[in-house]
Amino acid sequence: MTTKNLGTPNDFFENKVLGHPAGLFVLFFTEMWERFSYYGMRALLVLFLTSSIATGGWAWSSAEAISLYGTYTMGVYLTPVLGGLIADRLLGYRWAVIVGALIMTLGHASMAVETPFFLYVGLGCLMIGNGLFKPNMTSIVSNMYKDFPEKKDGAYSIFYMGVNAGAFLGIMLCGYIGEKISWSWGFGLAGIFMFLGMLQFYFTKGIFGNIGLLPSEERKLKAAEKTTDTKEIVEEEKVPGHIIRDRLIVVFIFSVFTIFFWAAFEQAGGSMTIFAKENTTRILTGTAGTTFKVVDAVLTIVPLMIITYVLSKLFSNTFRRFKTGNIVLSVSFIIIWCIVLWKVQREFSAETTEIAASWFNILNSLFIICFAPGFSKWWESKYNLPASMKFGLGLTLLGLGFGFLAYAAMSITSPEIKVSMIWLVFAYLFHTLGELCISPVGLSYVSKLVPAKWIGFMFGVYYLFIAMGNKLAGASGSMIEEITSKYSLSTFFLIFTLIPIAAGIIIAALHPLIKRLMHGVK
């Protein structure tokens, strides 16, 4: 197989899909399958651990389950610090992604065994594999757009659509199968698509040209060809040290406020899942049940049709050069469509409708898919907000989302009382809008503010702060029973209402300082 040598980022824009390089959509689908596996397992973990032994669970307390969940999600974001270094020094971005995906496949397979030993082995493999995978995927995007900084925000938002498309499908299918068929099948399905994602990336990696090669190969290319990369590094070395220092301070400020965001946002996999399971009306009959079945079918099929359309565009653009990778990707979608149609048919055949507790987690991904294109256009328009304002807006919206839960929980005075699912819908909507203001653009700003030779490492450092937020999410979320018994469930959610809003006001007030420290980076 011969491929065109893509020596510079400019070459990528000669081969576009929906206005962006075809390579971005290869990353889109690779990240989609990895997020399918991650969020599919994430949706099941706390539910599995806290379910009764009679239903196949392990009957852990909410505090124990959420604490383990927090430790796991912390590890997932902690290991990228080392993974970025390994890629920069030894493996290169491409092989780091491939090896990481393979290790995560083994992790999901281990969890499907459903014994304590293999549970911890599986979680360990997922942490290690993710450390190699996650920072180096974003590094490839960063290198692809290094000559087009004005397009980075939009590119990361599209990339983030891939993240959430995978999360949507993973939560919907792994969660459904895990809760209603078998926990093992739910965990196993996550591993299957992780493996298919790895194969798709491996057979299509040539589309990235010279980006992400082994470090030794990159050094040879730079020495022999004096590529644009070499020129950029020389130019970057001319940037005064105090400017580099100031920009790194900005990265640190954004990273600190990222902790506040993720400490609240990651309640989705812990306390909010418990709220959905124990305090939300999930059994529907009659017209309400039929309406939900129709809505669920539409919410399932329409986004999948949209993603399939994107696949068709990539397929038509790249099939001649990368047949095997496209065939693997197409087979993956055929399997997904079969499972989706089976699920829809099974639900319409049931007399009553019982909404899976994990189902509410798909709302975040669904809203991302709906709103990400609009935010991408917003960030590329003349109405684009400054970085600090984006963070401030995102944190405020996140806090308001918890405000809906705090209000709904005021009526819960006994375990028998259940509230309408609409409150979770509103909460996830506001959380999603807040996430779009922070998560994808945070990655974009790191790539803009950090010198190119430090990109892999600094992405790892950024994920280190996200790891802190995730551990704090687990630690605080595990207190749900304690705070509820001493005060109320409403008080618990009110904490997550007030703190993010206060943090959002503070970082917005820091705008003049942050603008000065960024030295022209927009």
Protein backbone atom coordinates (compact mmCIF):
# COMPACT_ATOMS: atom_id res chain seq x y z
CA MET A 1 0.00 0.00 0.00
CA THR A 2 1.34 3.39 -0.97
CA THR A 3 0.29 6.60 0.63
CA LYS A 4 0.87 10.23 -0.09
CA ASN A 5 3.66 11.69 1.99
CA LEU A 6 2.09 14.40 4.09
CA GLY A 7 5.12 16.34 5.13
CA THR A 8 3.50 19.47 6.52
CA PRO A 9 0.19 20.32 8.15
CA ASN A 10 -0.78 22.34 5.06
CA ASP A 11 -1.02 19.08 3.11
CA PHE A 12 -3.78 17.80 5.36
CA PHE A 13 -6.16 20.49 4.16
CA GLU A 14 -5.89 19.24 0.57
CA ASN A 15 -7.91 16.16 1.61
CA LYS A 16 -10.93 17.44 3.52
CA VAL A 17 -14.05 15.91 5.04
CA LEU A 18 -16.75 18.39 6.10
CA GLY A 19 -14.24 21.23 5.95
CA HIS A 20 -11.52 19.55 8.04
CA PRO A 21 -8.66 17.12 7.23
CA ALA A 22 -9.75 13.51 6.76
CA GLY A 23 -7.19 12.57 9.42
CA LEU A 24 -9.24 14.43 12.03
CA PHE A 25 -12.13 12.07 11.41
CA VAL A 26 -9.91 9.01 11.67
CA LEU A 27 -9.08 10.32 15.14
CA PHE A 28 -12.78 11.09 15.64
CA PHE A 29 -13.76 7.43 15.18
CA THR A 30 -10.78 6.01 17.07
CA GLU A 31 -11.58 8.23 20.02
CA MET A 32 -15.26 7.36 19.63
CA TRP A 33 -14.64 3.64 20.17
CA GLU A 34 -12.31 4.28 23.09
CA ARG A 35 -14.92 6.49 24.74
CA PHE A 36 -17.56 3.85 23.94
CA SER A 37 -15.60 1.41 26.05
CA TYR A 38 -14.71 3.89 28.81
CA TYR A 39 -18.17 5.37 29.32
CA GLY A 40 -19.92 2.03 28.76
CA MET A 41 -17.96 0.54 31.64
CA ARG A 42 -18.24 3.75 33.68
CA ALA A 43 -22.04 3.67 33.44
CA LEU A 44 -22.07 0.14 34.89
CA LEU A 45 -19.38 0.21 37.58
CA VAL A 46 -21.23 1.88 40.48
CA LEU A 47 -24.53 0.23 39.57
CA PHE A 48 -22.91 -3.21 39.45
CA LEU A 49 -21.10 -2.75 42.75
CA THR A 50 -24.17 -1.43 44.61
CA SER A 51 -26.75 -3.85 43.15
CA SER A 52 -27.95 -6.71 45.30
CA ILE A 53 -26.33 -10.12 45.12
CA ALA A 54 -29.68 -11.51 43.93
CA THR A 55 -29.41 -9.39 40.76
CA GLY A 56 -25.77 -10.31 40.16
CA GLY A 57 -24.19 -7.31 41.88
CA TRP A 58 -21.83 -7.22 44.85
CA ALA A 59 -24.04 -5.27 47.30
CA TRP A 60 -21.40 -2.64 48.16
CA SER A 61 -22.45 0.53 49.95
CA SER A 62 -22.76 3.73 47.91
CA ALA A 63 -19.78 5.21 49.78
CA GLU A 64 -17.53 2.23 48.94
CA ALA A 65 -18.59 2.11 45.29
CA ILE A 66 -18.26 5.84 44.63
CA SER A 67 -14.90 5.93 46.43
CA LEU A 68 -13.53 3.20 44.14
CA TYR A 69 -15.05 5.00 41.16
CA GLY A 70 -13.24 8.21 42.18
CA THR A 71 -9.93 6.38 42.59
CA TYR A 72 -10.33 4.76 39.18
CA THR A 73 -11.22 7.99 37.35
CA MET A 74 -8.31 9.72 39.10
CA GLY A 75 -5.96 7.03 37.81
CA VAL A 76 -7.37 7.37 34.31
CA TYR A 77 -6.30 11.02 34.23
CA LEU A 78 -3.13 10.59 36.30
CA THR A 79 -1.34 8.12 34.03
CA PRO A 80 -1.29 10.43 30.96
CA VAL A 81 1.57 12.35 32.61
CA LEU A 82 3.79 9.29 32.17
CA GLY A 83 2.12 8.29 28.91
CA GLY A 84 2.98 11.61 27.31
CA LEU A 85 6.63 11.26 28.30
CA ILE A 86 6.83 7.69 26.99
CA ALA A 87 5.43 8.82 23.65
CA ASP A 88 7.78 11.82 23.42
CA ARG A 89 10.86 9.79 24.28
CA LEU A 90 10.22 6.23 23.12
CA LEU A 91 7.05 5.17 21.27
CA GLY A 92 5.85 8.22 19.37
CA TYR A 93 2.20 9.24 19.38
CA ARG A 94 0.95 6.54 17.01
CA TRP A 95 2.38 3.48 18.76
CA ALA A 96 1.47 4.89 22.16
CA VAL A 97 -2.16 5.01 21.00
CA ILE A 98 -2.02 1.46 19.62
CA VAL A 99 -0.34 -0.09 22.68
CA GLY A 100 -2.62 1.82 25.02
CA ALA A 101 -5.72 0.61 23.17
CA LEU A 102 -4.53 -3.00 23.35
CA ILE A 103 -3.90 -2.79 27.11
CA MET A 104 -7.37 -1.30 27.63
CA THR A 105 -8.90 -4.15 25.62
CA LEU A 106 -7.30 -6.60 28.06
CA GLY A 107 -8.65 -4.52 30.95
CA HIS A 108 -12.24 -4.73 29.73
CA ALA A 109 -11.88 -8.46 29.14
CA SER A 110 -10.67 -8.88 32.72
CA MET A 111 -13.65 -7.02 34.15
CA ALA A 112 -16.05 -9.30 32.28
CA VAL A 113 -14.84 -12.19 34.49
CA GLU A 114 -16.55 -10.53 37.49
CA THR A 115 -14.25 -11.58 40.33
CA PRO A 116 -12.56 -9.16 42.77
CA PHE A 117 -9.07 -10.05 41.49
CA PHE A 118 -9.94 -9.53 37.84
CA LEU A 119 -11.93 -6.38 38.67
CA TYR A 120 -8.81 -4.72 40.09
CA VAL A 121 -6.60 -6.11 37.31
CA GLY A 122 -9.05 -4.74 34.76
CA LEU A 123 -9.19 -1.30 36.35
CA GLY A 124 -5.38 -1.23 36.52
CA CYS A 125 -5.08 -2.07 32.82
CA LEU A 126 -7.61 0.62 31.95
CA MET A 127 -5.64 3.22 33.89
CA ILE A 128 -2.33 2.27 32.25
CA GLY A 129 -3.74 1.92 28.75
CA ASN A 130 -5.58 5.22 28.96
CA GLY A 131 -2.34 6.92 30.05
CA LEU A 132 -0.76 5.95 26.75
CA PHE A 133 -3.84 6.59 24.65
CA LYS A 134 -5.44 9.82 25.78
CA PRO A 135 -2.70 12.51 25.74
CA ASN A 136 -1.26 11.27 22.47
CA MET A 137 -4.54 11.40 20.59
CA THR A 138 -4.86 15.08 21.47
CA SER A 139 -1.18 15.60 20.60
CA ILE A 140 -1.80 14.32 17.08
CA VAL A 141 -4.68 16.80 16.68
CA SER A 142 -2.46 19.59 18.00
CA ASN A 143 0.33 18.80 15.51
CA MET A 144 -2.12 18.53 12.64
CA TYR A 145 -3.36 22.09 13.28
CA LYS A 146 -0.15 23.77 14.39
CA ASP A 147 -0.12 26.01 11.30
CA PHE A 148 -3.83 26.81 11.73
CA PRO A 149 -4.31 28.02 15.33
CA GLU A 150 -7.51 29.84 14.38
CA LYS A 151 -9.10 26.48 13.49
CA LYS A 152 -8.05 24.63 16.63
CA ASP A 153 -11.07 25.47 18.78
CA GLY A 154 -13.38 24.22 16.04
CA ALA A 155 -11.27 21.12 15.44
CA TYR A 156 -11.24 20.18 19.12
CA SER A 157 -14.99 20.68 19.30
CA ILE A 158 -15.48 18.28 16.39
CA PHE A 159 -13.03 15.86 17.99
CA TYR A 160 -15.05 16.22 21.17
CA MET A 161 -18.15 15.20 19.23
CA GLY A 162 -16.37 11.90 18.56
CA VAL A 163 -15.71 11.57 22.29
CA ASN A 164 -19.37 12.03 23.06
CA ALA A 165 -20.68 9.97 20.18
CA GLY A 166 -18.74 7.07 21.66
CA ALA A 167 -19.94 7.90 25.17
CA PHE A 168 -23.55 8.04 23.93
CA LEU A 169 -23.39 4.64 22.23
CA GLY A 170 -21.36 3.03 25.01
CA ILE A 171 -23.65 4.14 27.83
CA MET A 172 -26.78 3.29 25.86
CA LEU A 173 -25.73 -0.21 24.79
CA CYS A 174 -23.32 -1.38 27.50
CA GLY A 175 -25.57 0.11 30.18
CA TYR A 176 -28.72 -1.48 28.74
CA ILE A 177 -27.16 -4.90 28.24
CA GLY A 178 -25.40 -4.79 31.61
CA GLU A 179 -28.52 -3.86 33.60
CA LYS A 180 -31.09 -5.93 31.70
CA ILE A 181 -29.17 -8.91 30.30
CA SER A 182 -25.87 -9.55 32.09
CA TRP A 183 -23.19 -7.45 33.81
CA SER A 184 -20.50 -9.58 32.11
CA TRP A 185 -21.95 -8.96 28.65
CA GLY A 186 -22.06 -5.24 29.36
CA PHE A 187 -18.41 -5.13 30.43
CA GLY A 188 -17.40 -7.46 27.56
CA LEU A 189 -19.09 -5.35 24.88
CA ALA A 190 -16.94 -2.40 25.95
CA GLY A 191 -13.81 -4.48 25.29
CA ILE A 192 -14.95 -5.64 21.87
CA PHE A 193 -15.30 -2.12 20.51
CA MET A 194 -12.06 -0.98 22.13
CA PHE A 195 -10.32 -3.70 20.12
CA LEU A 196 -12.08 -2.72 16.89
CA GLY A 197 -11.11 0.90 17.46
CA MET A 198 -7.47 -0.10 17.86
CA LEU A 199 -7.56 -2.07 14.60
CA GLN A 200 -9.15 0.82 12.71
CA PHE A 201 -6.43 3.23 13.89
CA TYR A 202 -3.61 0.77 13.17
CA PHE A 203 -4.65 0.17 9.56
CA THR A 204 -5.26 3.88 8.87
CA LYS A 205 -2.30 5.43 10.71
CA GLY A 206 -0.54 6.27 7.43
CA ILE A 207 -3.01 9.12 6.89
CA PHE A 208 -1.07 11.19 9.45
CA GLY A 209 2.00 11.45 7.24
CA ASN A 210 5.03 12.38 9.35
CA ILE A 211 3.04 13.14 12.51
CA GLY A 212 3.43 10.78 15.45
CA LEU A 213 6.29 8.65 14.15
CA LEU A 214 8.83 7.01 16.42
CA PRO A 215 11.08 9.73 17.93
CA SER A 216 14.11 8.26 16.17
CA GLU A 217 12.33 8.45 12.79
CA GLU A 218 11.26 12.04 13.43
CA ARG A 219 14.86 13.06 14.22
CA LYS A 220 16.05 11.52 10.96
CA LEU A 221 13.40 13.35 8.95
CA LYS A 222 14.23 16.68 10.55
CA ALA A 223 17.94 16.23 9.98
CA ALA A 224 17.59 15.07 6.36
CA GLU A 225 14.76 17.25 5.10
CA LYS A 226 14.88 20.31 7.40
CA THR A 227 11.07 20.15 7.66
CA THR A 228 8.71 22.86 8.81
CA ASP A 229 8.75 21.28 12.28
CA THR A 230 12.45 22.13 12.62
CA LYS A 231 11.87 25.72 11.55
CA GLU A 232 9.04 26.09 14.03
CA ILE A 233 11.19 24.84 16.90
CA VAL A 234 13.93 27.33 16.00
CA GLU A 235 11.36 30.14 15.90
CA GLU A 236 9.86 29.05 19.21
CA GLU A 237 13.28 29.15 20.84
CA LYS A 238 13.38 32.86 19.98
CA VAL A 239 10.29 33.54 22.11
CA PRO A 240 11.48 35.41 25.25
CA GLY A 241 11.58 33.24 28.38
CA HIS A 242 9.29 35.55 30.36
CA ILE A 243 6.53 35.13 27.73
CA ILE A 244 6.80 31.34 27.93
CA ARG A 245 6.69 31.62 31.74
CA ASP A 246 3.59 33.82 31.67
CA ARG A 247 1.77 31.49 29.30
CA LEU A 248 2.59 28.51 31.50
CA ILE A 249 1.11 30.43 34.45
CA VAL A 250 -2.12 30.74 32.45
CA VAL A 251 -2.11 26.98 31.83
CA PHE A 252 -1.70 26.50 35.59
CA ILE A 253 -4.64 28.85 36.33
CA PHE A 254 -6.89 27.04 33.87
CA SER A 255 -5.78 23.72 35.32
CA VAL A 256 -6.68 24.75 38.87
CA PHE A 257 -10.19 25.80 37.86
CA THR A 258 -10.51 22.58 35.90
CA ILE A 259 -10.35 20.78 39.27
CA PHE A 260 -13.51 22.58 40.42
CA PHE A 261 -15.28 21.69 37.19
CA TRP A 262 -14.51 17.95 37.20
CA ALA A 263 -15.07 17.54 40.94
CA ALA A 264 -18.69 18.51 40.30
CA PHE A 265 -19.17 17.22 36.76
CA GLU A 266 -18.02 13.67 37.57
CA GLN A 267 -20.88 13.25 40.04
CA ALA A 268 -22.60 11.91 36.91
CA GLY A 269 -21.03 8.48 37.33
CA GLY A 270 -21.51 8.42 41.11
CA SER A 271 -24.04 10.40 43.14
CA MET A 272 -26.18 11.34 40.13
CA THR A 273 -26.36 7.68 39.09
CA ILE A 274 -27.43 6.77 42.63
CA PHE A 275 -30.03 9.58 42.46
CA ALA A 276 -31.35 8.15 39.18
CA LYS A 277 -31.50 4.64 40.61
CA GLU A 278 -33.09 5.40 44.01
CA ASN A 279 -34.88 8.75 43.78
CA THR A 280 -36.17 9.06 40.21
CA THR A 281 -39.37 7.64 38.72
CA ARG A 282 -38.18 5.04 36.20
CA ILE A 283 -41.17 2.71 35.71
CA LEU A 284 -43.65 4.05 33.16
CA THR A 285 -46.95 2.55 31.97
CA GLY A 286 -49.65 3.37 29.47
CA THR A 287 -49.23 6.45 27.32
CA ALA A 288 -46.16 7.62 29.28
CA GLY A 289 -44.42 4.30 28.67
CA THR A 290 -45.25 4.29 24.96
CA THR A 291 -44.12 7.91 24.59
CA PHE A 292 -40.80 7.14 26.23
CA LYS A 293 -40.26 4.14 23.95
CA VAL A 294 -40.82 6.31 20.88
CA VAL A 295 -38.59 9.11 22.19
CA ASP A 296 -35.88 6.63 23.19
CA ALA A 297 -35.99 5.00 19.75
CA VAL A 298 -35.66 8.39 18.04
CA LEU A 299 -32.86 9.46 20.39
CA THR A 300 -31.10 6.19 19.63
CA ILE A 301 -31.48 6.01 15.87
CA VAL A 302 -31.20 9.65 14.72
CA PRO A 303 -27.76 10.39 16.28
CA LEU A 304 -26.50 7.05 14.97
CA MET A 305 -27.70 8.03 11.49
CA ILE A 306 -25.79 11.31 11.77
CA ILE A 307 -22.60 9.53 12.86
CA THR A 308 -23.08 6.99 10.05
CA TYR A 309 -23.30 9.92 7.59
CA VAL A 310 -19.94 11.20 8.84
CA LEU A 311 -18.59 7.68 8.39
CA SER A 312 -19.82 7.59 4.79
CA LYS A 313 -18.00 10.86 4.05
CA LEU A 314 -14.75 9.51 5.48
CA PHE A 315 -15.27 6.19 3.70
CA SER A 316 -15.72 7.79 0.28
CA ASN A 317 -12.69 10.03 0.83
CA THR A 318 -10.18 7.48 2.13
CA PHE A 319 -11.28 3.97 1.11
CA ARG A 320 -8.88 3.64 -1.84
CA ARG A 321 -5.85 4.35 0.31
CA PHE A 322 -6.92 2.67 3.54
CA LYS A 323 -9.21 -0.23 2.64
CA THR A 324 -8.61 -2.42 5.70
CA GLY A 325 -9.12 0.35 8.23
CA ASN A 326 -12.34 1.44 6.53
CA ILE A 327 -13.63 -2.14 6.40
CA VAL A 328 -12.99 -2.58 10.14
CA LEU A 329 -14.81 0.68 10.85
CA SER A 330 -17.74 -0.33 8.63
CA VAL A 331 -18.05 -3.75 10.31
CA SER A 332 -18.09 -1.98 13.68
CA PHE A 333 -21.05 0.13 12.58
CA ILE A 334 -22.90 -2.87 11.17
CA ILE A 335 -22.61 -4.55 14.59
CA ILE A 336 -23.77 -1.38 16.34
CA TRP A 337 -26.81 -1.06 14.07
CA CYS A 338 -27.76 -4.69 14.73
CA ILE A 339 -27.56 -4.20 18.50
CA VAL A 340 -29.51 -0.92 18.34
CA LEU A 341 -32.33 -2.41 16.25
CA TRP A 342 -32.49 -5.42 18.58
CA LYS A 343 -32.75 -3.10 21.60
CA VAL A 344 -35.53 -1.01 20.06
CA GLN A 345 -37.52 -4.11 19.08
CA ARG A 346 -37.10 -5.64 22.55
CA GLU A 347 -38.31 -2.50 24.29
CA PHE A 348 -41.42 -2.15 22.10
CA SER A 349 -42.27 -5.79 22.84
CA ALA A 350 -42.27 -5.22 26.61
CA GLU A 351 -45.60 -4.47 28.35
CA THR A 352 -44.15 -1.96 30.82
CA THR A 353 -41.23 0.42 30.48
CA GLU A 354 -38.47 0.40 33.07
CA ILE A 355 -35.84 3.02 32.30
CA ALA A 356 -32.33 1.80 33.05
CA ALA A 357 -30.61 3.95 35.67
CA SER A 358 -27.60 4.23 33.37
CA TRP A 359 -29.82 5.67 30.59
CA PHE A 360 -29.70 9.18 32.04
CA ASN A 361 -25.95 9.30 31.42
CA ILE A 362 -26.57 9.33 27.65
CA LEU A 363 -28.18 12.76 27.95
CA ASN A 364 -24.79 14.44 28.35
CA SER A 365 -23.47 12.79 25.19
CA LEU A 366 -26.70 13.43 23.28
CA PHE A 367 -26.63 17.12 24.12
CA ILE A 368 -22.95 17.29 23.12
CA ILE A 369 -23.78 15.81 19.72
CA CYS A 370 -26.61 18.34 19.31
CA PHE A 371 -24.80 21.46 20.53
CA ALA A 372 -21.09 20.89 19.70
CA PRO A 373 -21.39 22.05 16.06
CA GLY A 374 -23.01 25.30 17.21
CA PHE A 375 -20.34 25.92 19.83
CA SER A 376 -17.66 25.13 17.23
CA LYS A 377 -19.09 27.84 14.96
CA TRP A 378 -19.37 30.21 17.91
CA TRP A 379 -15.70 29.81 18.82
CA GLU A 380 -14.71 30.49 15.20
CA SER A 381 -16.91 33.60 14.86
CA LYS A 382 -16.33 37.23 15.79
CA TYR A 383 -18.43 36.63 18.91
CA ASN A 384 -15.88 34.20 20.34
CA LEU A 385 -15.43 34.68 24.09
CA PRO A 386 -12.06 35.17 25.83
CA ALA A 387 -10.68 32.06 27.52
CA SER A 388 -11.42 33.17 31.09
CA MET A 389 -15.02 34.02 30.17
CA LYS A 390 -15.51 30.59 28.63
CA PHE A 391 -14.33 28.98 31.87
CA GLY A 392 -16.50 31.32 33.95
CA LEU A 393 -19.59 30.62 31.87
CA GLY A 394 -18.95 26.88 31.92
CA LEU A 395 -18.62 26.70 35.70
CA THR A 396 -21.74 28.82 36.22
CA LEU A 397 -23.84 26.64 33.92
CA LEU A 398 -22.56 23.54 35.73
CA GLY A 399 -23.63 24.97 39.07
CA LEU A 400 -27.07 25.88 37.76
CA GLY A 401 -27.51 22.28 36.61
CA PHE A 402 -27.04 21.06 40.17
CA GLY A 403 -29.52 23.73 41.25
CA PHE A 404 -32.28 21.77 39.51
CA LEU A 405 -31.38 18.64 41.49
CA ALA A 406 -31.19 20.60 44.76
CA TYR A 407 -34.68 21.97 44.11
CA ALA A 408 -36.12 18.57 43.14
CA ALA A 409 -34.56 16.88 46.18
CA MET A 410 -36.41 19.27 48.52
CA SER A 411 -39.56 17.15 48.06
CA ILE A 412 -37.82 13.89 48.96
CA THR A 413 -38.64 13.33 52.63
CA SER A 414 -38.61 9.52 52.58
CA PRO A 415 -37.05 6.75 50.42
CA GLU A 416 -40.44 5.96 48.87
CA ILE A 417 -40.81 9.39 47.27
CA LYS A 418 -39.58 9.60 43.67
CA VAL A 419 -39.21 12.73 41.55
CA SER A 420 -39.77 13.32 37.86
CA MET A 421 -36.98 12.45 35.45
CA ILE A 422 -37.28 15.96 33.97
CA TRP A 423 -35.00 17.31 36.73
CA LEU A 424 -32.16 15.03 35.64
CA VAL A 425 -32.78 16.05 32.02
CA PHE A 426 -32.40 19.74 32.92
CA ALA A 427 -29.32 19.02 35.04
CA TYR A 428 -27.56 17.14 32.25
CA LEU A 429 -28.49 19.85 29.74
CA PHE A 430 -26.86 22.62 31.79
CA HIS A 431 -23.88 20.40 32.64
CA THR A 432 -23.36 19.73 28.95
CA LEU A 433 -23.49 23.41 27.99
CA GLY A 434 -20.94 24.09 30.72
CA GLU A 435 -18.73 21.25 29.54
CA LEU A 436 -18.65 22.63 26.00
CA CYS A 437 -17.32 25.91 27.38
CA ILE A 438 -14.44 24.23 29.25
CA SER A 439 -13.41 20.72 28.27
CA PRO A 440 -12.63 20.91 24.51
CA VAL A 441 -11.41 24.52 24.58
CA GLY A 442 -9.21 23.76 27.60
CA LEU A 443 -7.27 21.29 25.48
CA SER A 444 -7.11 23.84 22.67
CA TYR A 445 -5.63 26.53 24.92
CA VAL A 446 -2.99 24.17 26.28
CA SER A 447 -1.90 23.43 22.72
CA LYS A 448 -1.76 27.17 21.91
CA LEU A 449 0.11 28.31 25.03
CA VAL A 450 2.70 25.55 25.36
CA PRO A 451 5.85 25.27 23.18
CA ALA A 452 5.52 22.45 20.61
CA LYS A 453 8.34 20.36 22.08
CA TRP A 454 6.51 20.19 25.43
CA ILE A 455 3.05 19.39 24.06
CA GLY A 456 2.91 15.70 25.03
CA PHE A 457 4.19 16.32 28.55
CA MET A 458 1.97 19.35 29.21
CA PHE A 459 -1.14 17.55 28.04
CA GLY A 460 -0.19 14.96 30.64
CA VAL A 461 0.16 17.67 33.30
CA TYR A 462 -3.24 19.09 32.35
CA TYR A 463 -4.76 15.65 32.80
CA LEU A 464 -3.05 15.47 36.19
CA PHE A 465 -5.25 18.33 37.39
CA ILE A 466 -8.30 16.62 35.89
CA ALA A 467 -7.25 13.54 37.90
CA MET A 468 -7.34 15.63 41.08
CA GLY A 469 -10.84 16.77 40.20
CA ASN A 470 -11.98 13.20 39.60
CA LYS A 471 -10.61 11.97 42.92
CA LEU A 472 -12.26 14.91 44.66
CA ALA A 473 -15.50 13.95 42.89
CA GLY A 474 -15.26 10.45 44.33
CA ALA A 475 -14.37 11.68 47.82
CA SER A 476 -17.19 14.22 47.92
CA GLY A 477 -19.71 11.99 46.17
CA SER A 478 -19.10 9.17 48.65
CA MET A 479 -20.45 11.50 51.37
CA ILE A 480 -23.95 11.54 49.85
CA GLU A 481 -25.39 9.19 52.47
CA GLU A 482 -23.69 10.99 55.37
CA ILE A 483 -24.76 14.50 54.29
CA THR A 484 -28.28 13.31 53.44
CA SER A 485 -28.74 11.69 56.87
CA LYS A 486 -27.38 14.73 58.77
CA TYR A 487 -28.99 17.44 56.64
CA SER A 488 -30.81 16.53 53.43
CA LEU A 489 -30.24 15.34 49.88
CA SER A 490 -31.03 18.86 48.75
CA THR A 491 -28.13 20.17 50.86
CA PHE A 492 -25.78 17.70 49.17
CA PHE A 493 -26.62 19.00 45.69
CA LEU A 494 -26.67 22.61 46.86
CA ILE A 495 -22.95 22.30 47.68
CA PHE A 496 -22.29 21.49 44.01
CA THR A 497 -24.47 24.42 43.01
CA LEU A 498 -22.70 27.14 44.96
CA ILE A 499 -19.02 26.16 44.64
CA PRO A 500 -18.85 26.01 40.80
CA ILE A 501 -20.77 29.29 40.46
CA ALA A 502 -18.37 30.99 42.89
CA ALA A 503 -15.37 29.58 40.98
CA GLY A 504 -16.88 30.80 37.70
CA ILE A 505 -17.25 34.35 39.02
CA ILE A 506 -13.65 34.36 40.27
CA ILE A 507 -12.04 33.22 37.00
CA ALA A 508 -14.18 35.65 35.00
CA ALA A 509 -12.91 38.44 37.26
CA LEU A 510 -9.34 37.35 36.46
CA HIS A 511 -9.84 38.10 32.75
CA PRO A 512 -7.63 41.25 32.58
CA LEU A 513 -4.72 39.42 34.26
CA ILE A 514 -5.09 36.30 32.13
CA LYS A 515 -5.32 38.33 28.91
CA ARG A 516 -2.07 40.10 29.78
CA LEU A 517 -0.26 36.84 30.61
CA MET A 518 -1.34 35.17 27.35
CA HIS A 519 0.66 37.74 25.30
CA GLY A 520 -1.61 37.79 22.26
CA VAL A 521 -2.71 34.14 22.21
CA LYS A 522 -6.45 34.04 21.47
